Amino acid sequence: MREYQGRLPLYHFDFYRLDSINDIYDLGMDDYLFGKGLCVIEWAEKGLDIMPEDHLLIEIEYVSENERRLELKAHGQRYDKMLNDLKV
């Protein structure tokens, strides 16, 4: 985990090299997931079982060498509202 300071603390996790859900549990992420900062997780699909019910999943699709497609998926009212507000 790497921590970055700013207006909100940002906690960056990368699950790429983790092989099991137990490896993810061993990280002790509760303080970060339910804290006052922003938690960003790469390869989050490996740990979806432990994600809070309310979360925003951002899927990145490789389109070409210089192009990516983002799909934002809201889980929970907070993130539904956030995405709806972006559409306005």
PDB file of N, CA and C in Angstrom:
ATOM      1  N   MET A   1       0.843  -1.167   0.000  1.00  0.00           N
ATOM      2  CA  MET A   1       0.000   0.000   0.000  1.00  0.00           C
ATOM      3  C   MET A   1       0.889   1.230   0.000  1.00  0.00           C
ATOM      4  N   ARG A   2       0.497   2.186  -0.826  1.00  0.00           N
ATOM      5  CA  ARG A   2       1.186   3.476  -0.837  1.00  0.00           C
ATOM      6  C   ARG A   2       0.177   4.531  -0.442  1.00  0.00           C
ATOM      7  N   GLU A   3       0.656   5.477   0.341  1.00  0.00           N
ATOM      8  CA  GLU A   3      -0.218   6.546   0.813  1.00  0.00           C
ATOM      9  C   GLU A   3       0.282   7.879   0.256  1.00  0.00           C
ATOM     10  N   TYR A   4      -0.666   8.672  -0.238  1.00  0.00           N
ATOM     11  CA  TYR A   4      -0.354   9.984  -0.797  1.00  0.00           C
ATOM     12  C   TYR A   4      -1.198  11.025  -0.074  1.00  0.00           C
ATOM     13  N   GLN A   5      -0.584  12.157   0.250  1.00  0.00           N
ATOM     14  CA  GLN A   5      -1.288  13.221   0.954  1.00  0.00           C
ATOM     15  C   GLN A   5      -1.788  14.261  -0.041  1.00  0.00           C
ATOM     16  N   GLY A   6      -2.944  14.785   0.234  1.00  0.00           N
ATOM     17  CA  GLY A   6      -3.556  15.825  -0.572  1.00  0.00           C
ATOM     18  C   GLY A   6      -4.764  16.342   0.187  1.00  0.00           C
ATOM     19  N   ARG A   7      -5.741  16.874  -0.541  1.00  0.00           N
ATOM     20  CA  ARG A   7      -6.967  17.329   0.119  1.00  0.00           C
ATOM     21  C   ARG A   7      -7.570  16.191   0.932  1.00  0.00           C
ATOM     22  N   LEU A   8      -7.525  15.002   0.380  1.00  0.00           N
ATOM     23  CA  LEU A   8      -7.892  13.763   1.076  1.00  0.00           C
ATOM     24  C   LEU A   8      -6.701  12.823   0.980  1.00  0.00           C
ATOM     25  N   PRO A   9      -6.460  12.021   2.003  1.00  0.00           N
ATOM     26  CA  PRO A   9      -5.413  11.001   1.834  1.00  0.00           C
ATOM     27  C   PRO A   9      -5.856  10.005   0.768  1.00  0.00           C
ATOM     28  N   LEU A  10      -4.925   9.564  -0.061  1.00  0.00           N
ATOM     29  CA  LEU A  10      -5.207   8.568  -1.084  1.00  0.00           C
ATOM     30  C   LEU A  10      -4.401   7.317  -0.752  1.00  0.00           C
ATOM     31  N   TYR A  11      -5.097   6.190  -0.684  1.00  0.00           N
ATOM     32  CA  TYR A  11      -4.464   4.910  -0.374  1.00  0.00           C
ATOM     33  C   TYR A  11      -4.523   4.047  -1.633  1.00  0.00           C
ATOM     34  N   HIS A  12      -3.358   3.655  -2.138  1.00  0.00           N
ATOM     35  CA  HIS A  12      -3.279   2.889  -3.369  1.00  0.00           C
ATOM     36  C   HIS A  12      -2.860   1.456  -3.062  1.00  0.00           C
ATOM     37  N   PHE A  13      -3.709   0.519  -3.447  1.00  0.00           N
ATOM     38  CA  PHE A  13      -3.423  -0.907  -3.305  1.00  0.00           C
ATOM     39  C   PHE A  13      -3.335  -1.521  -4.700  1.00  0.00           C
ATOM     40  N   ASP A  14      -2.509  -2.536  -4.846  1.00  0.00           N
ATOM     41  CA  ASP A  14      -2.392  -3.263  -6.100  1.00  0.00           C
ATOM     42  C   ASP A  14      -2.496  -4.749  -5.776  1.00  0.00           C
ATOM     43  N   PHE A  15      -3.584  -5.382  -6.224  1.00  0.00           N
ATOM     44  CA  PHE A  15      -3.819  -6.800  -5.933  1.00  0.00           C
ATOM     45  C   PHE A  15      -3.204  -7.724  -6.982  1.00  0.00           C
ATOM     46  N   TYR A  16      -2.471  -7.175  -7.927  1.00  0.00           N
ATOM     47  CA  TYR A  16      -1.976  -7.951  -9.059  1.00  0.00           C
ATOM     48  C   TYR A  16      -1.237  -9.223  -8.635  1.00  0.00           C
ATOM     49  N   ARG A  17      -0.337  -9.117  -7.692  1.00  0.00           N
ATOM     50  CA  ARG A  17       0.503 -10.258  -7.310  1.00  0.00           C
ATOM     51  C   ARG A  17      -0.097 -11.120  -6.203  1.00  0.00           C
ATOM     52  N   LEU A  18      -1.283 -10.789  -5.760  1.00  0.00           N
ATOM     53  CA  LEU A  18      -1.923 -11.566  -4.707  1.00  0.00           C
ATOM     54  C   LEU A  18      -2.656 -12.745  -5.324  1.00  0.00           C
ATOM     55  N   ASP A  19      -2.496 -13.911  -4.704  1.00  0.00           N
ATOM     56  CA  ASP A  19      -3.023 -15.135  -5.301  1.00  0.00           C
ATOM     57  C   ASP A  19      -4.367 -15.585  -4.750  1.00  0.00           C
ATOM     58  N   SER A  20      -4.729 -15.122  -3.559  1.00  0.00           N
ATOM     59  CA  SER A  20      -5.969 -15.611  -2.957  1.00  0.00           C
ATOM     60  C   SER A  20      -6.637 -14.501  -2.152  1.00  0.00           C
ATOM     61  N   ILE A  21      -7.897 -14.743  -1.860  1.00  0.00           N
ATOM     62  CA  ILE A  21      -8.647 -13.781  -1.039  1.00  0.00           C
ATOM     63  C   ILE A  21      -8.019 -13.680   0.350  1.00  0.00           C
ATOM     64  N   ASN A  22      -7.399 -14.746   0.824  1.00  0.00           N
ATOM     65  CA  ASN A  22      -6.735 -14.702   2.132  1.00  0.00           C
ATOM     66  C   ASN A  22      -5.561 -13.728   2.126  1.00  0.00           C
ATOM     67  N   ASP A  23      -4.833 -13.660   1.012  1.00  0.00           N
ATOM     68  CA  ASP A  23      -3.742 -12.683   0.894  1.00  0.00           C
ATOM     69  C   ASP A  23      -4.284 -11.264   1.021  1.00  0.00           C
ATOM     70  N   ILE A  24      -5.459 -11.037   0.453  1.00  0.00           N
ATOM     71  CA  ILE A  24      -6.071  -9.710   0.513  1.00  0.00           C
ATOM     72  C   ILE A  24      -6.555  -9.412   1.925  1.00  0.00           C
ATOM     73  N   TYR A  25      -7.186 -10.384   2.573  1.00  0.00           N
ATOM     74  CA  TYR A  25      -7.609 -10.206   3.969  1.00  0.00           C
ATOM     75  C   TYR A  25      -6.423  -9.845   4.859  1.00  0.00           C
ATOM     76  N   ASP A  26      -5.274 -10.452   4.586  1.00  0.00           N
ATOM     77  CA  ASP A  26      -4.085 -10.225   5.411  1.00  0.00           C
ATOM     78  C   ASP A  26      -3.554  -8.796   5.328  1.00  0.00           C
ATOM     79  N   LEU A  27      -4.005  -8.031   4.338  1.00  0.00           N
ATOM     80  CA  LEU A  27      -3.559  -6.640   4.212  1.00  0.00           C
ATOM     81  C   LEU A  27      -4.150  -5.735   5.291  1.00  0.00           C
ATOM     82  N   GLY A  28      -5.229  -6.168   5.951  1.00  0.00           N
ATOM     83  CA  GLY A  28      -5.854  -5.345   6.985  1.00  0.00           C
ATOM     84  C   GLY A  28      -6.381  -4.030   6.442  1.00  0.00           C
ATOM     85  N   MET A  29      -7.218  -4.100   5.436  1.00  0.00           N
ATOM     86  CA  MET A  29      -7.652  -2.919   4.709  1.00  0.00           C
ATOM     87  C   MET A  29      -8.813  -2.154   5.342  1.00  0.00           C
ATOM     88  N   ASP A  30      -9.455  -2.687   6.349  1.00  0.00           N
ATOM     89  CA  ASP A  30     -10.658  -2.047   6.902  1.00  0.00           C
ATOM     90  C   ASP A  30     -10.443  -0.589   7.261  1.00  0.00           C
ATOM     91  N   ASP A  31      -9.318  -0.269   7.870  1.00  0.00           N
ATOM     92  CA  ASP A  31      -9.048   1.121   8.258  1.00  0.00           C
ATOM     93  C   ASP A  31      -8.984   2.035   7.040  1.00  0.00           C
ATOM     94  N   TYR A  32      -8.582   1.506   5.918  1.00  0.00           N
ATOM     95  CA  TYR A  32      -8.470   2.304   4.693  1.00  0.00           C
ATOM     96  C   TYR A  32      -9.808   2.363   3.954  1.00  0.00           C
ATOM     97  N   LEU A  33     -10.475   1.211   3.830  1.00  0.00           N
ATOM     98  CA  LEU A  33     -11.747   1.159   3.111  1.00  0.00           C
ATOM     99  C   LEU A  33     -12.831   1.981   3.800  1.00  0.00           C
ATOM    100  N   PHE A  34     -12.788   2.049   5.120  1.00  0.00           N
ATOM    101  CA  PHE A  34     -13.839   2.736   5.869  1.00  0.00           C
ATOM    102  C   PHE A  34     -13.323   3.987   6.565  1.00  0.00           C
ATOM    103  N   GLY A  35     -12.160   4.480   6.131  1.00  0.00           N
ATOM    104  CA  GLY A  35     -11.570   5.679   6.717  1.00  0.00           C
ATOM    105  C   GLY A  35     -12.046   6.934   6.018  1.00  0.00           C
ATOM    106  N   LYS A  36     -11.302   8.005   6.209  1.00  0.00           N
ATOM    107  CA  LYS A  36     -11.697   9.300   5.670  1.00  0.00           C
ATOM    108  C   LYS A  36     -10.999   9.648   4.363  1.00  0.00           C
ATOM    109  N   GLY A  37     -10.236   8.723   3.824  1.00  0.00           N
ATOM    110  CA  GLY A  37      -9.524   8.979   2.591  1.00  0.00           C
ATOM    111  C   GLY A  37     -10.172   8.280   1.413  1.00  0.00           C
ATOM    112  N   LEU A  38      -9.472   8.294   0.301  1.00  0.00           N
ATOM    113  CA  LEU A  38      -9.903   7.647  -0.923  1.00  0.00           C
ATOM    114  C   LEU A  38      -9.042   6.412  -1.126  1.00  0.00           C
ATOM    115  N   CYS A  39      -9.695   5.292  -1.329  1.00  0.00           N
ATOM    116  CA  CYS A  39      -8.985   4.035  -1.508  1.00  0.00           C
ATOM    117  C   CYS A  39      -9.098   3.619  -2.976  1.00  0.00           C
ATOM    118  N   VAL A  40      -7.955   3.463  -3.641  1.00  0.00           N
ATOM    119  CA  VAL A  40      -7.908   3.068  -5.045  1.00  0.00           C
ATOM    120  C   VAL A  40      -7.229   1.703  -5.110  1.00  0.00           C
ATOM    121  N   ILE A  41      -7.876   0.773  -5.820  1.00  0.00           N
ATOM    122  CA  ILE A  41      -7.365  -0.597  -5.859  1.00  0.00           C
ATOM    123  C   ILE A  41      -7.241  -1.057  -7.306  1.00  0.00           C
ATOM    124  N   GLU A  42      -6.014  -1.368  -7.713  1.00  0.00           N
ATOM    125  CA  GLU A  42      -5.796  -1.961  -9.032  1.00  0.00           C
ATOM    126  C   GLU A  42      -6.037  -3.465  -8.935  1.00  0.00           C
ATOM    127  N   TRP A  43      -6.549  -4.036 -10.000  1.00  0.00           N
ATOM    128  CA  TRP A  43      -6.873  -5.460 -10.044  1.00  0.00           C
ATOM    129  C   TRP A  43      -7.883  -5.814  -8.948  1.00  0.00           C
ATOM    130  N   ALA A  44      -8.825  -4.915  -8.712  1.00  0.00           N
ATOM    131  CA  ALA A  44      -9.802  -5.083  -7.633  1.00  0.00           C
ATOM    132  C   ALA A  44     -10.694  -6.307  -7.818  1.00  0.00           C
ATOM    133  N   GLU A  45     -10.842  -6.775  -9.054  1.00  0.00           N
ATOM    134  CA  GLU A  45     -11.709  -7.933  -9.271  1.00  0.00           C
ATOM    135  C   GLU A  45     -11.255  -9.145  -8.462  1.00  0.00           C
ATOM    136  N   LYS A  46      -9.994  -9.178  -8.076  1.00  0.00           N
ATOM    137  CA  LYS A  46      -9.494 -10.283  -7.247  1.00  0.00           C
ATOM    138  C   LYS A  46     -10.043 -10.224  -5.822  1.00  0.00           C
ATOM    139  N   GLY A  47     -10.541  -9.071  -5.403  1.00  0.00           N
ATOM    140  CA  GLY A  47     -11.015  -8.914  -4.029  1.00  0.00           C
ATOM    141  C   GLY A  47     -12.421  -8.364  -3.911  1.00  0.00           C
ATOM    142  N   LEU A  48     -13.231  -8.524  -4.955  1.00  0.00           N
ATOM    143  CA  LEU A  48     -14.584  -7.966  -4.912  1.00  0.00           C
ATOM    144  C   LEU A  48     -15.404  -8.498  -3.743  1.00  0.00           C
ATOM    145  N   ASP A  49     -15.098  -9.700  -3.286  1.00  0.00           N
ATOM    146  CA  ASP A  49     -15.848 -10.282  -2.165  1.00  0.00           C
ATOM    147  C   ASP A  49     -15.681  -9.497  -0.868  1.00  0.00           C
ATOM    148  N   ILE A  50     -14.602  -8.734  -0.748  1.00  0.00           N
ATOM    149  CA  ILE A  50     -14.389  -7.993   0.499  1.00  0.00           C
ATOM    150  C   ILE A  50     -14.630  -6.490   0.348  1.00  0.00           C
ATOM    151  N   MET A  51     -15.045  -6.056  -0.839  1.00  0.00           N
ATOM    152  CA  MET A  51     -15.302  -4.632  -1.045  1.00  0.00           C
ATOM    153  C   MET A  51     -16.560  -4.217  -0.290  1.00  0.00           C
ATOM    154  N   PRO A  52     -16.597  -2.979   0.162  1.00  0.00           N
ATOM    155  CA  PRO A  52     -17.831  -2.477   0.780  1.00  0.00           C
ATOM    156  C   PRO A  52     -18.964  -2.534  -0.242  1.00  0.00           C
ATOM    157  N   GLU A  53     -20.206  -2.660   0.256  1.00  0.00           N
ATOM    158  CA  GLU A  53     -21.352  -2.690  -0.656  1.00  0.00           C
ATOM    159  C   GLU A  53     -21.366  -1.469  -1.557  1.00  0.00           C
ATOM    160  N   ASP A  54     -21.114  -0.302  -0.978  1.00  0.00           N
ATOM    161  CA  ASP A  54     -21.061   0.941  -1.743  1.00  0.00           C
ATOM    162  C   ASP A  54     -19.637   1.148  -2.251  1.00  0.00           C
ATOM    163  N   HIS A  55     -19.481   1.105  -3.565  1.00  0.00           N
ATOM    164  CA  HIS A  55     -18.180   1.378  -4.156  1.00  0.00           C
ATOM    165  C   HIS A  55     -18.366   1.734  -5.626  1.00  0.00           C
ATOM    166  N   LEU A  56     -17.356   2.309  -6.186  1.00  0.00           N
ATOM    167  CA  LEU A  56     -17.347   2.658  -7.607  1.00  0.00           C
ATOM    168  C   LEU A  56     -16.283   1.803  -8.275  1.00  0.00           C
ATOM    169  N   LEU A  57     -16.703   1.016  -9.228  1.00  0.00           N
ATOM    170  CA  LEU A  57     -15.788   0.154  -9.970  1.00  0.00           C
ATOM    171  C   LEU A  57     -15.507   0.819 -11.313  1.00  0.00           C
ATOM    172  N   ILE A  58     -14.246   1.009 -11.626  1.00  0.00           N
ATOM    173  CA  ILE A  58     -13.851   1.601 -12.900  1.00  0.00           C
ATOM    174  C   ILE A  58     -13.093   0.535 -13.684  1.00  0.00           C
ATOM    175  N   GLU A  59     -13.687   0.109 -14.780  1.00  0.00           N
ATOM    176  CA  GLU A  59     -13.049  -0.885 -15.636  1.00  0.00           C
ATOM    177  C   GLU A  59     -12.367  -0.161 -16.792  1.00  0.00           C
ATOM    178  N   ILE A  60     -11.131  -0.540 -17.054  1.00  0.00           N
ATOM    179  CA  ILE A  60     -10.350   0.081 -18.118  1.00  0.00           C
ATOM    180  C   ILE A  60     -10.112  -0.964 -19.206  1.00  0.00           C
ATOM    181  N   GLU A  61     -10.552  -0.638 -20.409  1.00  0.00           N
ATOM    182  CA  GLU A  61     -10.393  -1.548 -21.543  1.00  0.00           C
ATOM    183  C   GLU A  61      -9.327  -0.995 -22.488  1.00  0.00           C
ATOM    184  N   TYR A  62      -8.422  -1.831 -22.861  1.00  0.00           N
ATOM    185  CA  TYR A  62      -7.378  -1.481 -23.826  1.00  0.00           C
ATOM    186  C   TYR A  62      -8.009  -1.486 -25.211  1.00  0.00           C
ATOM    187  N   VAL A  63      -8.027  -0.331 -25.880  1.00  0.00           N
ATOM    188  CA  VAL A  63      -8.597  -0.213 -27.215  1.00  0.00           C
ATOM    189  C   VAL A  63      -7.489  -0.232 -28.264  1.00  0.00           C
ATOM    190  N   SER A  64      -6.460   0.553 -28.029  1.00  0.00           N
ATOM    191  CA  SER A  64      -5.300   0.582 -28.918  1.00  0.00           C
ATOM    192  C   SER A  64      -4.118   1.100 -28.106  1.00  0.00           C
ATOM    193  N   GLU A  65      -2.988   1.240 -28.753  1.00  0.00           N
ATOM    194  CA  GLU A  65      -1.786   1.692 -28.053  1.00  0.00           C
ATOM    195  C   GLU A  65      -1.998   3.017 -27.333  1.00  0.00           C
ATOM    196  N   ASN A  66      -2.786   3.893 -27.910  1.00  0.00           N
ATOM    197  CA  ASN A  66      -2.986   5.226 -27.329  1.00  0.00           C
ATOM    198  C   ASN A  66      -4.411   5.489 -26.872  1.00  0.00           C
ATOM    199  N   GLU A  67      -5.229   4.454 -26.791  1.00  0.00           N
ATOM    200  CA  GLU A  67      -6.633   4.671 -26.451  1.00  0.00           C
ATOM    201  C   GLU A  67      -7.118   3.631 -25.444  1.00  0.00           C
ATOM    202  N   ARG A  68      -7.839   4.121 -24.440  1.00  0.00           N
ATOM    203  CA  ARG A  68      -8.454   3.266 -23.434  1.00  0.00           C
ATOM    204  C   ARG A  68      -9.924   3.661 -23.310  1.00  0.00           C
ATOM    205  N   ARG A  69     -10.755   2.726 -22.932  1.00  0.00           N
ATOM    206  CA  ARG A  69     -12.169   2.987 -22.697  1.00  0.00           C
ATOM    207  C   ARG A  69     -12.445   2.724 -21.218  1.00  0.00           C
ATOM    208  N   LEU A  70     -13.080   3.689 -20.562  1.00  0.00           N
ATOM    209  CA  LEU A  70     -13.425   3.558 -19.155  1.00  0.00           C
ATOM    210  C   LEU A  70     -14.908   3.272 -19.016  1.00  0.00           C
ATOM    211  N   GLU A  71     -15.249   2.338 -18.141  1.00  0.00           N
ATOM    212  CA  GLU A  71     -16.642   2.088 -17.796  1.00  0.00           C
ATOM    213  C   GLU A  71     -16.765   2.217 -16.285  1.00  0.00           C
ATOM    214  N   LEU A  72     -17.623   3.123 -15.855  1.00  0.00           N
ATOM    215  CA  LEU A  72     -17.835   3.359 -14.434  1.00  0.00           C
ATOM    216  C   LEU A  72     -19.099   2.638 -14.001  1.00  0.00           C
ATOM    217  N   LYS A  73     -18.981   1.807 -12.964  1.00  0.00           N
ATOM    218  CA  LYS A  73     -20.110   1.027 -12.461  1.00  0.00           C
ATOM    219  C   LYS A  73     -20.342   1.382 -10.999  1.00  0.00           C
ATOM    220  N   ALA A  74     -21.500   1.972 -10.747  1.00  0.00           N
ATOM    221  CA  ALA A  74     -21.854   2.388  -9.393  1.00  0.00           C
ATOM    222  C   ALA A  74     -22.482   1.229  -8.633  1.00  0.00           C
ATOM    223  N   HIS A  75     -22.073   1.085  -7.394  1.00  0.00           N
ATOM    224  CA  HIS A  75     -22.663   0.108  -6.478  1.00  0.00           C
ATOM    225  C   HIS A  75     -23.065   0.876  -5.227  1.00  0.00           C
ATOM    226  N   GLY A  76     -24.368   1.079  -5.062  1.00  0.00           N
ATOM    227  CA  GLY A  76     -24.870   1.828  -3.909  1.00  0.00           C
ATOM    228  C   GLY A  76     -25.362   3.211  -4.300  1.00  0.00           C
ATOM    229  N   GLN A  77     -26.226   3.772  -3.457  1.00  0.00           N
ATOM    230  CA  GLN A  77     -26.866   5.057  -3.744  1.00  0.00           C
ATOM    231  C   GLN A  77     -25.876   6.197  -3.893  1.00  0.00           C
ATOM    232  N   ARG A  78     -24.863   6.226  -3.048  1.00  0.00           N
ATOM    233  CA  ARG A  78     -23.888   7.326  -3.103  1.00  0.00           C
ATOM    234  C   ARG A  78     -23.250   7.432  -4.487  1.00  0.00           C
ATOM    235  N   TYR A  79     -22.847   6.299  -5.027  1.00  0.00           N
ATOM    236  CA  TYR A  79     -22.162   6.309  -6.310  1.00  0.00           C
ATOM    237  C   TYR A  79     -23.144   6.413  -7.475  1.00  0.00           C
ATOM    238  N   ASP A  80     -24.375   5.915  -7.307  1.00  0.00           N
ATOM    239  CA  ASP A  80     -25.414   6.153  -8.316  1.00  0.00           C
ATOM    240  C   ASP A  80     -25.611   7.653  -8.483  1.00  0.00           C
ATOM    241  N   LYS A  81     -25.751   8.351  -7.372  1.00  0.00           N
ATOM    242  CA  LYS A  81     -25.949   9.805  -7.407  1.00  0.00           C
ATOM    243  C   LYS A  81     -24.740  10.488  -8.051  1.00  0.00           C
ATOM    244  N   MET A  82     -23.548  10.063  -7.672  1.00  0.00           N
ATOM    245  CA  MET A  82     -22.335  10.670  -8.203  1.00  0.00           C
ATOM    246  C   MET A  82     -22.291  10.549  -9.741  1.00  0.00           C
ATOM    247  N   LEU A  83     -22.612   9.365 -10.258  1.00  0.00           N
ATOM    248  CA  LEU A  83     -22.581   9.177 -11.710  1.00  0.00           C
ATOM    249  C   LEU A  83     -23.702   9.960 -12.390  1.00  0.00           C
ATOM    250  N   ASN A  84     -24.874  10.002 -11.756  1.00  0.00           N
ATOM    251  CA  ASN A  84     -25.975  10.796 -12.326  1.00  0.00           C
ATOM    252  C   ASN A  84     -25.633  12.262 -12.366  1.00  0.00           C
ATOM    253  N   ASP A  85     -24.957  12.762 -11.336  1.00  0.00           N
ATOM    254  CA  ASP A  85     -24.533  14.169 -11.305  1.00  0.00           C
ATOM    255  C   ASP A  85     -23.524  14.473 -12.414  1.00  0.00           C
ATOM    256  N   LEU A  86     -22.709  13.490 -12.768  1.00  0.00           N
ATOM    257  CA  LEU A  86     -21.734  13.684 -13.853  1.00  0.00           C
ATOM    258  C   LEU A  86     -22.413  13.817 -15.210  1.00  0.00           C
ATOM    259  N   LYS A  87     -23.567  13.201 -15.362  1.00  0.00           N
ATOM    260  CA  LYS A  87     -24.287  13.217 -16.642  1.00  0.00           C
ATOM    261  C   LYS A  87     -24.928  14.570 -16.924  1.00  0.00           C
ATOM    262  N   VAL A  88     -25.133  15.371 -15.890  1.00  0.00           N
ATOM    263  CA  VAL A  88     -25.827  16.662 -16.067  1.00  0.00           C
ATOM    264  C   VAL A  88     -24.943  17.663 -16.741  1.00  0.00           C
TER     265      VAL A  88
END
